All heavy atoms as atom14 arrays in JSON, in Angstrom:
{
  "sequence": "DREDVAFYGEYLAVDPPNEFTWTFVFDVPGVGPMGGPETH",
  "atom14_mask": [
    [1, 1, 1, 1, 1, 1, 1, 1, 0, 0, 0, 0, 0, 0],
    [1, 1, 1, 1, 1, 1, 1, 1, 1, 1, 1, 0, 0, 0],
    [1, 1, 1, 1, 1, 1, 1, 1, 1, 0, 0, 0, 0, 0],
    [1, 1, 1, 1, 1, 1, 1, 1, 0, 0, 0, 0, 0, 0],
    [1, 1, 1, 1, 1, 1, 1, 0, 0, 0, 0, 0, 0, 0],
    [1, 1, 1, 1, 1, 0, 0, 0, 0, 0, 0, 0, 0, 0],
    [1, 1, 1, 1, 1, 1, 1, 1, 1, 1, 1, 0, 0, 0],
    [1, 1, 1, 1, 1, 1, 1, 1, 1, 1, 1, 1, 0, 0],
    [1, 1, 1, 1, 0, 0, 0, 0, 0, 0, 0, 0, 0, 0],
    [1, 1, 1, 1, 1, 1, 1, 1, 1, 0, 0, 0, 0, 0],
    [1, 1, 1, 1, 1, 1, 1, 1, 1, 1, 1, 1, 0, 0],
    [1, 1, 1, 1, 1, 1, 1, 1, 0, 0, 0, 0, 0, 0],
    [1, 1, 1, 1, 1, 0, 0, 0, 0, 0, 0, 0, 0, 0],
    [1, 1, 1, 1, 1, 1, 1, 0, 0, 0, 0, 0, 0, 0],
    [1, 1, 1, 1, 1, 1, 1, 1, 0, 0, 0, 0, 0, 0],
    [1, 1, 1, 1, 1, 1, 1, 0, 0, 0, 0, 0, 0, 0],
    [1, 1, 1, 1, 1, 1, 1, 0, 0, 0, 0, 0, 0, 0],
    [1, 1, 1, 1, 1, 1, 1, 1, 0, 0, 0, 0, 0, 0],
    [1, 1, 1, 1, 1, 1, 1, 1, 1, 0, 0, 0, 0, 0],
    [1, 1, 1, 1, 1, 1, 1, 1, 1, 1, 1, 0, 0, 0],
    [1, 1, 1, 1, 1, 1, 1, 0, 0, 0, 0, 0, 0, 0],
    [1, 1, 1, 1, 1, 1, 1, 1, 1, 1, 1, 1, 1, 1],
    [1, 1, 1, 1, 1, 1, 1, 0, 0, 0, 0, 0, 0, 0],
    [1, 1, 1, 1, 1, 1, 1, 1, 1, 1, 1, 0, 0, 0],
    [1, 1, 1, 1, 1, 1, 1, 0, 0, 0, 0, 0, 0, 0],
    [1, 1, 1, 1, 1, 1, 1, 1, 1, 1, 1, 0, 0, 0],
    [1, 1, 1, 1, 1, 1, 1, 1, 0, 0, 0, 0, 0, 0],
    [1, 1, 1, 1, 1, 1, 1, 0, 0, 0, 0, 0, 0, 0],
    [1, 1, 1, 1, 1, 1, 1, 0, 0, 0, 0, 0, 0, 0],
    [1, 1, 1, 1, 0, 0, 0, 0, 0, 0, 0, 0, 0, 0],
    [1, 1, 1, 1, 1, 1, 1, 0, 0, 0, 0, 0, 0, 0],
    [1, 1, 1, 1, 0, 0, 0, 0, 0, 0, 0, 0, 0, 0],
    [1, 1, 1, 1, 1, 1, 1, 0, 0, 0, 0, 0, 0, 0],
    [1, 1, 1, 1, 1, 1, 1, 1, 0, 0, 0, 0, 0, 0],
    [1, 1, 1, 1, 0, 0, 0, 0, 0, 0, 0, 0, 0, 0],
    [1, 1, 1, 1, 0, 0, 0, 0, 0, 0, 0, 0, 0, 0],
    [1, 1, 1, 1, 1, 1, 1, 0, 0, 0, 0, 0, 0, 0],
    [1, 1, 1, 1, 1, 1, 1, 1, 1, 0, 0, 0, 0, 0],
    [1, 1, 1, 1, 1, 1, 1, 0, 0, 0, 0, 0, 0, 0],
    [1, 1, 1, 1, 1, 1, 1, 1, 1, 1, 0, 0, 0, 0]
  ],
  "atom14_positions": [
    [[-17.61, -4.5, -11.64], [-18.75, -4.3, -10.61], [-18.38, -3.2, -9.63], [-19.11, -3.12, -8.6], [-18.97, -5.64, -9.87], [-17.69, -6.14, -9.1], [-16.6, -5.65, -9.36], [-17.88, -7.07, -8.33], [0.0, 0.0, 0.0], [0.0, 0.0, 0.0], [0.0, 0.0, 0.0], [0.0, 0.0, 0.0], [0.0, 0.0, 0.0], [0.0, 0.0, 0.0]],
    [[-17.41, -2.34, -9.87], [-17.18, -1.23, -8.85], [-16.25, -0.26, -9.5], [-15.8, -0.47, -10.67], [-16.44, -1.91, -7.57], [-14.96, -2.54, -8.0], [-14.15, -2.69, -6.75], [-13.05, -3.42, -6.99], [-11.86, -3.14, -7.72], [-11.89, -1.84, -8.21], [-10.98, -3.89, -7.96], [0.0, 0.0, 0.0], [0.0, 0.0, 0.0], [0.0, 0.0, 0.0]],
    [[-16.19, 0.86, -8.74], [-15.2, 1.9, -9.28], [-13.79, 1.51, -9.12], [-13.45, 0.63, -8.27], [-15.46, 3.19, -8.29], [-16.9, 3.93, -8.65], [-16.88, 5.17, -7.79], [-16.03, 6.06, -8.11], [-17.86, 5.34, -7.02], [0.0, 0.0, 0.0], [0.0, 0.0, 0.0], [0.0, 0.0, 0.0], [0.0, 0.0, 0.0], [0.0, 0.0, 0.0]],
    [[-12.93, 2.04, -9.84], [-11.54, 1.83, -9.73], [-11.03, 2.2, -8.37], [-11.47, 3.15, -7.68], [-10.57, 2.6, -10.76], [-10.95, 2.07, -12.19], [-11.71, 1.01, -12.41], [-10.52, 2.85, -13.15], [0.0, 0.0, 0.0], [0.0, 0.0, 0.0], [0.0, 0.0, 0.0], [0.0, 0.0, 0.0], [0.0, 0.0, 0.0], [0.0, 0.0, 0.0]],
    [[-9.97, 1.45, -7.98], [-9.41, 1.67, -6.62], [-7.97, 1.78, -6.82], [-7.25, 0.99, -7.53], [-9.6, 0.5, -5.59], [-8.95, 0.66, -4.26], [-11.22, 0.33, -5.38], [0.0, 0.0, 0.0], [0.0, 0.0, 0.0], [0.0, 0.0, 0.0], [0.0, 0.0, 0.0], [0.0, 0.0, 0.0], [0.0, 0.0, 0.0], [0.0, 0.0, 0.0]],
    [[-7.33, 2.93, -6.31], [-5.93, 3.18, -6.43], [-5.12, 2.64, -5.22], [-5.6, 2.78, -4.05], [-5.6, 4.71, -6.52], [0.0, 0.0, 0.0], [0.0, 0.0, 0.0], [0.0, 0.0, 0.0], [0.0, 0.0, 0.0], [0.0, 0.0, 0.0], [0.0, 0.0, 0.0], [0.0, 0.0, 0.0], [0.0, 0.0, 0.0], [0.0, 0.0, 0.0]],
    [[-4.08, 1.91, -5.37], [-3.17, 1.45, -4.35], [-1.9, 2.11, -4.54], [-1.37, 2.24, -5.65], [-3.0, -0.1, -4.44], [-4.29, -0.83, -4.3], [-5.11, -1.07, -5.31], [-4.5, -1.46, -3.01], [-6.34, -1.81, -5.04], [-5.66, -2.21, -2.82], [-6.58, -2.45, -3.88], [0.0, 0.0, 0.0], [0.0, 0.0, 0.0], [0.0, 0.0, 0.0]],
    [[-1.26, 2.63, -3.5], [0.11, 3.24, -3.7], [0.87, 3.29, -2.43], [0.23, 2.87, -1.27], [-0.14, 4.67, -4.19], [-1.09, 5.58, -3.36], [-0.65, 6.32, -2.23], [-2.43, 5.51, -3.52], [-1.39, 7.02, -1.52], [-3.32, 6.26, -2.6], [-2.83, 6.93, -1.75], [-3.77, 7.67, -0.97], [0.0, 0.0, 0.0], [0.0, 0.0, 0.0]],
    [[2.09, 3.66, -2.45], [2.85, 3.8, -1.22], [4.29, 4.02, -1.48], [4.67, 4.38, -2.56], [0.0, 0.0, 0.0], [0.0, 0.0, 0.0], [0.0, 0.0, 0.0], [0.0, 0.0, 0.0], [0.0, 0.0, 0.0], [0.0, 0.0, 0.0], [0.0, 0.0, 0.0], [0.0, 0.0, 0.0], [0.0, 0.0, 0.0], [0.0, 0.0, 0.0]],
    [[5.1, 4.05, -0.46], [6.54, 4.36, -0.51], [7.33, 3.15, 0.17], [6.91, 2.62, 1.17], [6.82, 5.56, 0.28], [8.24, 5.96, 0.39], [8.57, 7.24, 1.08], [7.53, 7.96, 1.34], [9.64, 7.43, 1.58], [0.0, 0.0, 0.0], [0.0, 0.0, 0.0], [0.0, 0.0, 0.0], [0.0, 0.0, 0.0], [0.0, 0.0, 0.0]],
    [[8.53, 2.76, -0.31], [9.27, 1.74, 0.22], [10.04, 2.35, 1.37], [10.68, 3.45, 1.34], [10.4, 1.27, -0.89], [9.71, 0.39, -1.95], [9.23, 0.97, -2.99], [9.51, -0.95, -1.62], [8.6, 0.08, -3.98], [8.89, -1.76, -2.59], [8.49, -1.2, -3.71], [7.77, -2.06, -4.74], [0.0, 0.0, 0.0], [0.0, 0.0, 0.0]],
    [[9.95, 1.63, 2.53], [10.71, 2.21, 3.74], [11.85, 1.34, 4.01], [12.81, 2.01, 4.57], [9.58, 2.02, 5.02], [8.25, 2.64, 4.85], [7.35, 2.31, 5.96], [8.36, 4.1, 4.62], [0.0, 0.0, 0.0], [0.0, 0.0, 0.0], [0.0, 0.0, 0.0], [0.0, 0.0, 0.0], [0.0, 0.0, 0.0], [0.0, 0.0, 0.0]],
    [[11.95, 0.12, 3.65], [13.21, -0.71, 3.86], [13.26, -1.66, 2.76], [12.14, -2.26, 2.38], [13.2, -1.4, 5.21], [0.0, 0.0, 0.0], [0.0, 0.0, 0.0], [0.0, 0.0, 0.0], [0.0, 0.0, 0.0], [0.0, 0.0, 0.0], [0.0, 0.0, 0.0], [0.0, 0.0, 0.0], [0.0, 0.0, 0.0], [0.0, 0.0, 0.0]],
    [[14.38, -2.04, 2.2], [14.55, -3.04, 1.16], [15.71, -3.85, 1.42], [16.87, -3.34, 1.64], [14.73, -2.33, -0.29], [14.85, -3.36, -1.32], [13.45, -1.4, -0.52], [0.0, 0.0, 0.0], [0.0, 0.0, 0.0], [0.0, 0.0, 0.0], [0.0, 0.0, 0.0], [0.0, 0.0, 0.0], [0.0, 0.0, 0.0], [0.0, 0.0, 0.0]],
    [[15.57, -5.14, 1.73], [16.65, -5.99, 1.95], [16.48, -7.22, 1.02], [16.11, -8.39, 1.49], [16.63, -6.38, 3.48], [17.67, -7.44, 3.91], [18.67, -7.52, 3.11], [17.55, -8.07, 4.85], [0.0, 0.0, 0.0], [0.0, 0.0, 0.0], [0.0, 0.0, 0.0], [0.0, 0.0, 0.0], [0.0, 0.0, 0.0], [0.0, 0.0, 0.0]],
    [[16.92, -7.15, -0.21], [16.73, -8.35, -1.08], [17.71, -9.43, -0.72], [18.94, -9.17, -0.32], [17.09, -7.75, -2.53], [17.58, -6.38, -2.28], [17.4, -6.04, -0.83], [0.0, 0.0, 0.0], [0.0, 0.0, 0.0], [0.0, 0.0, 0.0], [0.0, 0.0, 0.0], [0.0, 0.0, 0.0], [0.0, 0.0, 0.0], [0.0, 0.0, 0.0]],
    [[17.36, -10.7, -0.87], [16.1, -11.2, -1.27], [15.2, -11.61, -0.11], [14.33, -12.31, -0.23], [16.49, -12.4, -2.0], [17.6, -13.02, -1.3], [18.38, -11.76, -0.8], [0.0, 0.0, 0.0], [0.0, 0.0, 0.0], [0.0, 0.0, 0.0], [0.0, 0.0, 0.0], [0.0, 0.0, 0.0], [0.0, 0.0, 0.0], [0.0, 0.0, 0.0]],
    [[15.56, -10.96, 1.0], [14.88, -11.41, 2.38], [13.62, -10.73, 2.66], [12.66, -11.4, 3.15], [15.88, -11.13, 3.48], [17.16, -11.84, 3.29], [17.22, -13.15, 3.08], [18.26, -11.16, 3.42], [0.0, 0.0, 0.0], [0.0, 0.0, 0.0], [0.0, 0.0, 0.0], [0.0, 0.0, 0.0], [0.0, 0.0, 0.0], [0.0, 0.0, 0.0]],
    [[13.41, -9.37, 2.52], [12.24, -8.74, 2.81], [12.19, -7.24, 2.31], [13.27, -6.73, 1.94], [12.02, -8.63, 4.42], [12.95, -7.78, 5.18], [12.67, -7.83, 6.68], [12.24, -8.94, 7.19], [13.0, -6.81, 7.23], [0.0, 0.0, 0.0], [0.0, 0.0, 0.0], [0.0, 0.0, 0.0], [0.0, 0.0, 0.0], [0.0, 0.0, 0.0]],
    [[10.99, -6.6, 2.39], [10.91, -5.28, 2.17], [9.62, -4.8, 2.99], [8.85, -5.57, 3.35], [10.75, -4.97, 0.61], [9.39, -5.37, 0.09], [8.2, -4.53, 0.05], [9.35, -6.59, -0.6], [7.05, -4.9, -0.5], [8.13, -7.05, -1.24], [6.99, -6.26, -1.05], [0.0, 0.0, 0.0], [0.0, 0.0, 0.0], [0.0, 0.0, 0.0]],
    [[9.75, -3.48, 3.3], [8.65, -2.79, 4.05], [8.24, -1.6, 3.22], [9.14, -0.89, 2.7], [9.13, -2.38, 5.41], [9.52, -3.5, 6.2], [7.93, -1.7, 6.2], [0.0, 0.0, 0.0], [0.0, 0.0, 0.0], [0.0, 0.0, 0.0], [0.0, 0.0, 0.0], [0.0, 0.0, 0.0], [0.0, 0.0, 0.0], [0.0, 0.0, 0.0]],
    [[7.01, -1.52, 3.03], [6.36, -0.39, 2.27], [5.2, 0.2, 3.05], [4.55, -0.56, 3.95], [6.06, -0.7, 0.87], [4.99, -1.66, 0.68], [4.17, -2.35, 1.55], [4.65, -2.28, -0.64], [3.45, -3.15, 0.93], [3.64, -3.22, -0.51], [5.23, -2.15, -1.98], [3.09, -3.89, -1.49], [4.59, -2.9, -2.85], [3.59, -3.73, -2.8]],
    [[4.72, 1.28, 2.7], [3.38, 1.74, 3.08], [2.49, 1.31, 2.04], [2.76, 1.36, 0.79], [3.24, 3.28, 3.24], [3.73, 3.83, 2.02], [4.09, 3.79, 4.46], [0.0, 0.0, 0.0], [0.0, 0.0, 0.0], [0.0, 0.0, 0.0], [0.0, 0.0, 0.0], [0.0, 0.0, 0.0], [0.0, 0.0, 0.0], [0.0, 0.0, 0.0]],
    [[1.43, 0.7, 2.5], [0.29, 0.23, 1.52], [-0.87, 0.97, 1.77], [-1.6, 0.77, 2.87], [0.15, -1.25, 1.93], [-0.82, -1.94, 0.9], [-0.34, -2.52, -0.26], [-2.21, -2.12, 1.31], [-1.29, -2.93, -1.24], [-3.15, -2.72, 0.37], [-2.67, -3.1, -0.81], [0.0, 0.0, 0.0], [0.0, 0.0, 0.0], [0.0, 0.0, 0.0]],
    [[-1.21, 1.81, 0.93], [-2.46, 2.65, 1.02], [-3.36, 2.35, -0.17], [-2.98, 2.21, -1.33], [-2.06, 4.1, 0.97], [-3.28, 5.12, 1.18], [-1.01, 4.42, 2.03], [0.0, 0.0, 0.0], [0.0, 0.0, 0.0], [0.0, 0.0, 0.0], [0.0, 0.0, 0.0], [0.0, 0.0, 0.0], [0.0, 0.0, 0.0], [0.0, 0.0, 0.0]],
    [[-4.68, 2.27, 0.1], [-5.61, 2.18, -0.92], [-6.73, 3.34, -0.72], [-7.02, 3.52, 0.35], [-6.19, 0.82, -0.98], [-6.72, 0.12, 0.38], [-8.11, 0.07, 0.58], [-5.9, -0.41, 1.24], [-8.54, -0.45, 1.68], [-6.27, -0.87, 2.38], [-7.72, -0.94, 2.68], [0.0, 0.0, 0.0], [0.0, 0.0, 0.0], [0.0, 0.0, 0.0]],
    [[-7.18, 3.85, -1.9], [-8.08, 4.91, -1.89], [-9.29, 4.41, -2.32], [-9.49, 4.29, -3.66], [-7.45, 5.98, -2.75], [-8.1, 7.35, -2.36], [-9.1, 7.39, -1.7], [-7.53, 8.43, -2.84], [0.0, 0.0, 0.0], [0.0, 0.0, 0.0], [0.0, 0.0, 0.0], [0.0, 0.0, 0.0], [0.0, 0.0, 0.0], [0.0, 0.0, 0.0]],
    [[-10.29, 4.16, -1.43], [-11.61, 3.63, -1.89], [-12.64, 4.82, -2.11], [-12.83, 5.68, -1.3], [-12.16, 2.7, -0.71], [-13.51, 2.1, -1.05], [-11.18, 1.68, -0.49], [0.0, 0.0, 0.0], [0.0, 0.0, 0.0], [0.0, 0.0, 0.0], [0.0, 0.0, 0.0], [0.0, 0.0, 0.0], [0.0, 0.0, 0.0], [0.0, 0.0, 0.0]],
    [[-13.2, 4.76, -3.29], [-14.19, 5.79, -3.57], [-15.33, 5.88, -2.53], [-15.78, 4.83, -2.18], [-14.69, 5.42, -4.96], [-13.61, 4.6, -5.54], [-12.96, 3.86, -4.38], [0.0, 0.0, 0.0], [0.0, 0.0, 0.0], [0.0, 0.0, 0.0], [0.0, 0.0, 0.0], [0.0, 0.0, 0.0], [0.0, 0.0, 0.0], [0.0, 0.0, 0.0]],
    [[-15.51, 7.15, -2.05], [-16.6, 7.31, -1.0], [-16.1, 7.04, 0.37], [-16.86, 7.23, 1.36], [0.0, 0.0, 0.0], [0.0, 0.0, 0.0], [0.0, 0.0, 0.0], [0.0, 0.0, 0.0], [0.0, 0.0, 0.0], [0.0, 0.0, 0.0], [0.0, 0.0, 0.0], [0.0, 0.0, 0.0], [0.0, 0.0, 0.0], [0.0, 0.0, 0.0]],
    [[-14.94, 6.49, 0.62], [-14.41, 6.16, 1.91], [-13.14, 6.98, 2.12], [-12.85, 7.49, 3.22], [-14.04, 4.61, 2.07], [-13.47, 4.36, 3.47], [-15.34, 3.91, 1.89], [0.0, 0.0, 0.0], [0.0, 0.0, 0.0], [0.0, 0.0, 0.0], [0.0, 0.0, 0.0], [0.0, 0.0, 0.0], [0.0, 0.0, 0.0], [0.0, 0.0, 0.0]],
    [[-12.29, 7.05, 1.09], [-11.04, 7.82, 1.35], [-9.88, 6.85, 1.56], [-9.96, 5.6, 1.49], [0.0, 0.0, 0.0], [0.0, 0.0, 0.0], [0.0, 0.0, 0.0], [0.0, 0.0, 0.0], [0.0, 0.0, 0.0], [0.0, 0.0, 0.0], [0.0, 0.0, 0.0], [0.0, 0.0, 0.0], [0.0, 0.0, 0.0], [0.0, 0.0, 0.0]],
    [[-8.61, 7.38, 1.63], [-7.45, 6.55, 1.71], [-7.29, 5.97, 3.09], [-7.72, 6.53, 4.13], [-6.34, 7.57, 1.56], [-6.75, 8.95, 1.77], [-8.34, 8.87, 1.57], [0.0, 0.0, 0.0], [0.0, 0.0, 0.0], [0.0, 0.0, 0.0], [0.0, 0.0, 0.0], [0.0, 0.0, 0.0], [0.0, 0.0, 0.0], [0.0, 0.0, 0.0]],
    [[-6.81, 4.66, 3.04], [-6.62, 4.03, 4.29], [-5.43, 3.01, 4.15], [-5.03, 2.63, 2.93], [-7.88, 3.16, 4.84], [-8.4, 2.1, 3.82], [-9.87, 1.23, 4.48], [-11.16, 2.45, 4.31], [0.0, 0.0, 0.0], [0.0, 0.0, 0.0], [0.0, 0.0, 0.0], [0.0, 0.0, 0.0], [0.0, 0.0, 0.0], [0.0, 0.0, 0.0]],
    [[-4.77, 2.54, 5.19], [-3.58, 1.67, 5.1], [-2.49, 2.04, 6.1], [-2.81, 2.81, 7.04], [0.0, 0.0, 0.0], [0.0, 0.0, 0.0], [0.0, 0.0, 0.0], [0.0, 0.0, 0.0], [0.0, 0.0, 0.0], [0.0, 0.0, 0.0], [0.0, 0.0, 0.0], [0.0, 0.0, 0.0], [0.0, 0.0, 0.0], [0.0, 0.0, 0.0]],
    [[-1.39, 1.45, 5.91], [-0.28, 1.65, 6.75], [0.88, 0.82, 6.32], [1.01, 0.3, 5.25], [0.0, 0.0, 0.0], [0.0, 0.0, 0.0], [0.0, 0.0, 0.0], [0.0, 0.0, 0.0], [0.0, 0.0, 0.0], [0.0, 0.0, 0.0], [0.0, 0.0, 0.0], [0.0, 0.0, 0.0], [0.0, 0.0, 0.0], [0.0, 0.0, 0.0]],
    [[1.88, 0.7, 7.28], [3.02, 0.03, 6.81], [2.78, -1.48, 6.73], [2.01, -2.06, 7.52], [4.04, 0.29, 8.0], [3.21, 0.65, 9.15], [1.96, 1.31, 8.57], [0.0, 0.0, 0.0], [0.0, 0.0, 0.0], [0.0, 0.0, 0.0], [0.0, 0.0, 0.0], [0.0, 0.0, 0.0], [0.0, 0.0, 0.0], [0.0, 0.0, 0.0]],
    [[3.65, -2.17, 5.8], [3.46, -3.59, 5.65], [4.77, -4.16, 5.29], [5.59, -3.6, 4.42], [2.47, -3.73, 4.33], [2.04, -5.1, 4.07], [0.88, -5.05, 2.97], [1.26, -4.92, 1.78], [-0.21, -5.11, 3.44], [0.0, 0.0, 0.0], [0.0, 0.0, 0.0], [0.0, 0.0, 0.0], [0.0, 0.0, 0.0], [0.0, 0.0, 0.0]],
    [[5.07, -5.25, 5.98], [6.34, -5.93, 5.73], [6.2, -7.34, 5.19], [5.24, -8.08, 5.59], [7.18, -6.1, 7.1], [7.39, -4.79, 7.62], [8.52, -6.82, 6.85], [0.0, 0.0, 0.0], [0.0, 0.0, 0.0], [0.0, 0.0, 0.0], [0.0, 0.0, 0.0], [0.0, 0.0, 0.0], [0.0, 0.0, 0.0], [0.0, 0.0, 0.0]],
    [[6.82, -7.61, 4.12], [6.86, -8.78, 3.36], [8.16, -9.55, 3.54], [9.3, -8.96, 3.24], [6.61, -8.62, 1.9], [5.34, -7.89, 1.64], [4.13, -8.63, 1.4], [5.06, -6.61, 1.45], [3.19, -7.64, 1.17], [3.67, -6.48, 1.16], [0.0, 0.0, 0.0], [0.0, 0.0, 0.0], [0.0, 0.0, 0.0], [0.0, 0.0, 0.0]]
  ]
}
């Protein structure tokens, strides 16, 4: 029901098995890329 959406980013910190931080960017057709850092 929609155009494909690309999600991408770069790992900024990795501390297994506790956490990681990456940039989470999604590129929405007609809107452009948006996102930022995300920590799990």
